[in-house]
């Protein structure tokens, strides 16, 4: 079961709406849903919320250290409250997933993501869960840094927000440790239904033929 929900991003208003802050957006949305307030905790260099959901203590964490030092906050809180790595979910932006889609995975490489790289180092393991919120790829490696620190186009932002709303529905399963069920919810992405083409010419429907 997941006890610690971590959202990754960069602190400060200039980064708030950038793609790299998708993890913050998700945890902010979860906090609103659970009616919890994230407050600054200097000891963890993070914004933290603690709640009791169905008799289980749940932690929400947003490191305020800048992305490449995120592991300090995560490892600090996890060690103090004896939360195991496999009880941690880290929500972060993912270049290799399209906006509007998300992937849930356990363990594996940090794939060059600076936030995950530091969490790997500080926890001393990669055995924790990740929820990867798709931001798409600029297509050229040299453009990646610029891409993640820019605001998504309005249609991409809408797709990402819809993805956050949809993946939040996995929260009860994540809390209960039903990871297969949570994965199914996260990975089920229904494309918007195309609008039927309008008939050419008259806006009125053609008359029905008599049998």
Protein backbone atom coordinates (compact mmCIF):
# COMPACT_ATOMS: atom_id res chain seq x y z
CA UNK A 1 0.00 0.00 0.00
CA UNK A 2 1.13 3.54 -0.71
CA UNK A 3 1.67 5.72 2.36
CA UNK A 4 3.70 8.59 0.88
CA UNK A 5 2.56 10.44 -2.27
CA UNK A 6 5.35 12.64 -3.67
CA UNK A 7 4.87 15.23 -6.41
CA UNK A 8 7.98 16.53 -8.19
CA UNK A 9 8.47 20.07 -9.49
CA UNK A 10 10.38 23.29 -9.00
CA UNK A 11 9.31 25.86 -6.39
CA UNK A 12 8.41 29.44 -7.23
CA UNK A 13 5.74 31.17 -9.35
CA UNK A 14 7.94 31.28 -12.47
CA UNK A 15 7.89 27.45 -12.65
CA UNK A 16 4.32 26.87 -11.49
CA UNK A 17 2.72 26.28 -14.91
CA UNK A 18 5.70 24.54 -16.58
CA UNK A 19 5.68 20.94 -17.77
CA UNK A 20 8.31 19.93 -15.19
CA UNK A 21 5.77 20.68 -12.43
CA UNK A 22 3.21 18.05 -13.48
CA UNK A 23 3.94 16.12 -10.27
CA UNK A 24 3.06 19.17 -8.17
CA UNK A 25 -0.20 19.56 -10.12
CA UNK A 26 -1.18 15.97 -9.32
CA UNK A 27 -0.44 16.21 -5.59
CA UNK A 28 -2.17 19.62 -5.41
CA UNK A 29 -5.27 18.05 -6.97
CA UNK A 30 -5.10 15.11 -4.54
CA UNK A 31 -4.80 17.51 -1.59
CA UNK A 32 -7.92 19.38 -2.79
CA UNK A 33 -9.82 16.11 -3.14
CA UNK A 34 -8.81 14.93 0.35
CA UNK A 35 -9.35 18.46 1.78
CA UNK A 36 -5.77 18.54 3.11
CA UNK A 37 -3.54 21.63 3.30
CA UNK A 38 0.09 21.39 2.22
CA UNK A 39 2.19 23.46 4.62
CA UNK A 40 5.90 24.34 4.54
CA UNK A 41 8.03 22.08 6.75
CA UNK A 42 11.57 23.43 7.04
CA UNK A 43 12.89 20.17 8.49
CA UNK A 44 12.03 18.37 5.23
CA UNK A 45 12.52 21.37 2.89
CA UNK A 46 9.09 20.57 1.51
CA UNK A 47 5.39 21.29 1.54
CA UNK A 48 3.78 18.49 3.52
CA UNK A 49 0.26 17.32 4.36
CA UNK A 50 -0.76 14.48 6.65
CA UNK A 51 -4.18 12.87 6.61
CA UNK A 52 -6.04 9.92 8.04
CA UNK A 53 -7.96 8.13 5.30
CA UNK A 54 -10.02 5.08 6.32
CA UNK A 55 -7.83 4.64 9.40
CA UNK A 56 -4.59 4.83 7.43
CA UNK A 57 -2.06 7.66 7.74
CA UNK A 58 -1.24 9.20 4.38
CA UNK A 59 1.51 11.71 3.59
CA UNK A 60 1.60 14.17 0.70
CA UNK A 61 4.96 15.75 -0.09
CA UNK A 62 6.21 18.39 -2.54
CA UNK A 63 9.98 18.97 -2.22
CA UNK A 64 10.91 22.67 -2.35
CA UNK A 65 14.61 22.04 -2.98
CA UNK A 66 14.50 22.32 -6.79
CA UNK A 67 14.17 19.19 -8.86
CA UNK A 68 17.73 17.83 -8.72
CA UNK A 69 17.72 17.69 -4.88
CA UNK A 70 14.24 16.17 -4.45
CA UNK A 71 15.61 13.04 -2.75
CA UNK A 72 16.56 14.91 0.44
CA UNK A 73 12.93 15.63 1.28
CA UNK A 74 11.65 12.20 0.25
CA UNK A 75 14.30 10.20 2.13
CA UNK A 76 14.14 12.49 5.18
CA UNK A 77 10.40 12.05 5.72
CA UNK A 78 10.40 8.34 4.76
CA UNK A 79 13.18 7.51 7.25
CA UNK A 80 11.65 9.50 10.10
CA UNK A 81 8.22 7.84 9.73
CA UNK A 82 9.67 4.42 8.78
CA UNK A 83 8.00 4.39 5.36
CA UNK A 84 9.50 1.72 3.11
CA UNK A 85 10.53 2.54 -0.49
CA UNK A 86 7.80 0.25 -1.88
CA UNK A 87 5.24 2.34 0.06
CA UNK A 88 6.25 5.51 -1.84
CA UNK A 89 4.66 6.81 -5.05
CA UNK A 90 6.57 9.53 -6.92
CA UNK A 91 4.51 11.48 -9.47
CA UNK A 92 6.58 13.16 -12.18
CA UNK A 93 6.57 14.49 -15.74
CA UNK A 94 7.49 11.99 -18.46
CA UNK A 95 8.90 12.93 -21.89
CA UNK A 96 8.27 9.51 -23.43
CA UNK A 97 4.51 9.55 -22.75
CA UNK A 98 2.07 11.74 -24.72
CA UNK A 99 0.10 14.51 -22.95
CA UNK A 100 -3.18 13.06 -21.70
CA UNK A 101 -1.66 9.66 -20.93
CA UNK A 102 0.09 8.26 -17.86
CA UNK A 103 1.98 5.14 -16.81
CA UNK A 104 2.33 3.47 -13.42
CA UNK A 105 5.49 1.46 -12.85
CA UNK A 106 7.59 -0.01 -10.06
CA UNK A 107 11.37 0.29 -9.97
CA UNK A 108 13.69 0.68 -12.91
CA UNK A 109 15.92 3.39 -14.33
CA UNK A 110 15.56 7.11 -13.65
CA UNK A 111 15.96 7.59 -17.45
CA UNK A 112 17.83 10.86 -16.93
CA UNK A 113 15.10 12.51 -14.85
CA UNK A 114 16.99 14.63 -12.31
CA UNK A 115 14.34 14.33 -9.61
CA UNK A 116 14.28 10.54 -9.81
CA UNK A 117 18.09 10.42 -10.04
CA UNK A 118 18.39 12.13 -6.63
CA UNK A 119 15.61 10.02 -5.06
CA UNK A 120 17.45 6.87 -6.25
CA UNK A 121 20.63 8.16 -4.61
CA UNK A 122 19.05 9.28 -1.33
CA UNK A 123 16.88 6.17 -0.84
CA UNK A 124 19.71 3.90 -1.99
CA UNK A 125 17.28 1.92 -4.14
CA UNK A 126 15.01 2.20 -7.17
CA UNK A 127 12.33 0.01 -5.56
CA UNK A 128 9.60 2.63 -5.34
CA UNK A 129 6.51 3.34 -7.43
CA UNK A 130 6.31 6.08 -10.08
CA UNK A 131 3.30 7.65 -11.74
CA UNK A 132 4.56 9.12 -15.01
CA UNK A 133 2.43 12.01 -16.30
CA UNK A 134 2.95 12.42 -20.05
CA UNK A 135 4.27 15.77 -21.31
CA UNK A 136 5.40 14.61 -24.77
CA UNK A 137 8.83 15.09 -26.33
CA UNK A 138 10.05 18.11 -28.35
CA UNK A 139 11.57 15.69 -30.87
CA UNK A 140 15.15 16.94 -30.46
CA UNK A 141 17.28 16.01 -27.45
CA UNK A 142 18.93 19.44 -27.31
CA UNK A 143 15.50 21.03 -26.79
CA UNK A 144 14.51 18.89 -23.76
CA UNK A 145 15.62 21.32 -21.00
CA UNK A 146 13.85 24.22 -22.70
CA UNK A 147 10.75 22.03 -23.27
CA UNK A 148 10.29 20.87 -19.66
CA UNK A 149 10.74 24.40 -18.30
CA UNK A 150 8.13 25.90 -20.63
CA UNK A 151 4.34 26.03 -20.28
CA UNK A 152 2.50 23.45 -22.38
CA UNK A 153 0.26 24.65 -25.20
CA UNK A 154 -3.38 25.10 -24.07
CA UNK A 155 -4.58 21.84 -25.67
CA UNK A 156 -1.70 19.92 -24.03
CA UNK A 157 -2.43 21.55 -20.65
CA UNK A 158 -6.10 20.52 -20.96
CA UNK A 159 -5.08 16.95 -21.86
CA UNK A 160 -2.73 16.84 -18.85
CA UNK A 161 -5.39 18.16 -16.49
CA UNK A 162 -7.89 15.57 -17.74
CA UNK A 163 -5.22 12.91 -17.23
CA UNK A 164 -4.67 14.08 -13.63
CA UNK A 165 -8.42 13.96 -12.92
CA UNK A 166 -8.63 10.44 -14.39
CA UNK A 167 -5.56 9.02 -12.65
CA UNK A 168 -6.65 10.42 -9.27
CA UNK A 169 -9.43 7.81 -9.45
CA UNK A 170 -6.67 5.24 -8.79
CA UNK A 171 -6.05 6.73 -5.33
CA UNK A 172 -8.29 4.28 -3.37
CA UNK A 173 -6.60 1.31 -5.08
CA UNK A 174 -3.12 2.77 -4.43
CA UNK A 175 -4.04 3.29 -0.78
CA UNK A 176 -5.29 -0.27 -0.48
CA UNK A 177 -2.19 -1.70 -2.18
CA UNK A 178 -4.28 -2.99 -5.10
CA UNK A 179 -1.59 -2.10 -7.59
CA UNK A 180 -2.95 -4.15 -10.51
CA UNK A 181 -6.29 -2.36 -10.20
CA UNK A 182 -4.53 1.00 -9.92
CA UNK A 183 -2.44 0.22 -13.02
CA UNK A 184 -5.58 -0.62 -15.01
CA UNK A 185 -7.21 2.70 -14.04
CA UNK A 186 -4.06 4.68 -14.90
CA UNK A 187 -3.44 2.96 -18.23
CA UNK A 188 -7.03 3.04 -19.50
CA UNK A 189 -7.02 6.08 -21.73
CA UNK A 190 -10.12 6.68 -23.80
CA UNK A 191 -9.52 8.91 -26.77
CA UNK A 192 -12.15 11.60 -27.29
CA UNK A 193 -14.95 10.43 -29.56
CA UNK A 194 -14.79 12.09 -32.96
CA UNK A 195 -17.78 14.26 -33.82
CA UNK A 196 -19.90 12.77 -36.62
CA UNK A 197 -19.41 14.62 -39.91
CA UNK A 198 -22.22 17.02 -40.78
CA UNK A 199 -24.07 16.21 -44.00
CA UNK A 200 -23.18 18.46 -46.90
CA UNK A 201 -25.63 21.09 -48.08
CA UNK A 202 -28.89 21.38 -46.14
CA UNK A 203 -28.63 21.37 -42.33
CA UNK A 204 -31.87 19.36 -42.22
CA UNK A 205 -31.60 15.57 -42.07
CA UNK A 206 -32.58 13.77 -45.28
CA UNK A 207 -36.21 12.50 -45.30
CA UNK A 208 -36.64 8.85 -44.33
CA UNK A 209 -37.51 6.50 -47.17
CA UNK A 210 -40.84 4.75 -46.89
CA UNK A 211 -40.52 0.99 -46.43
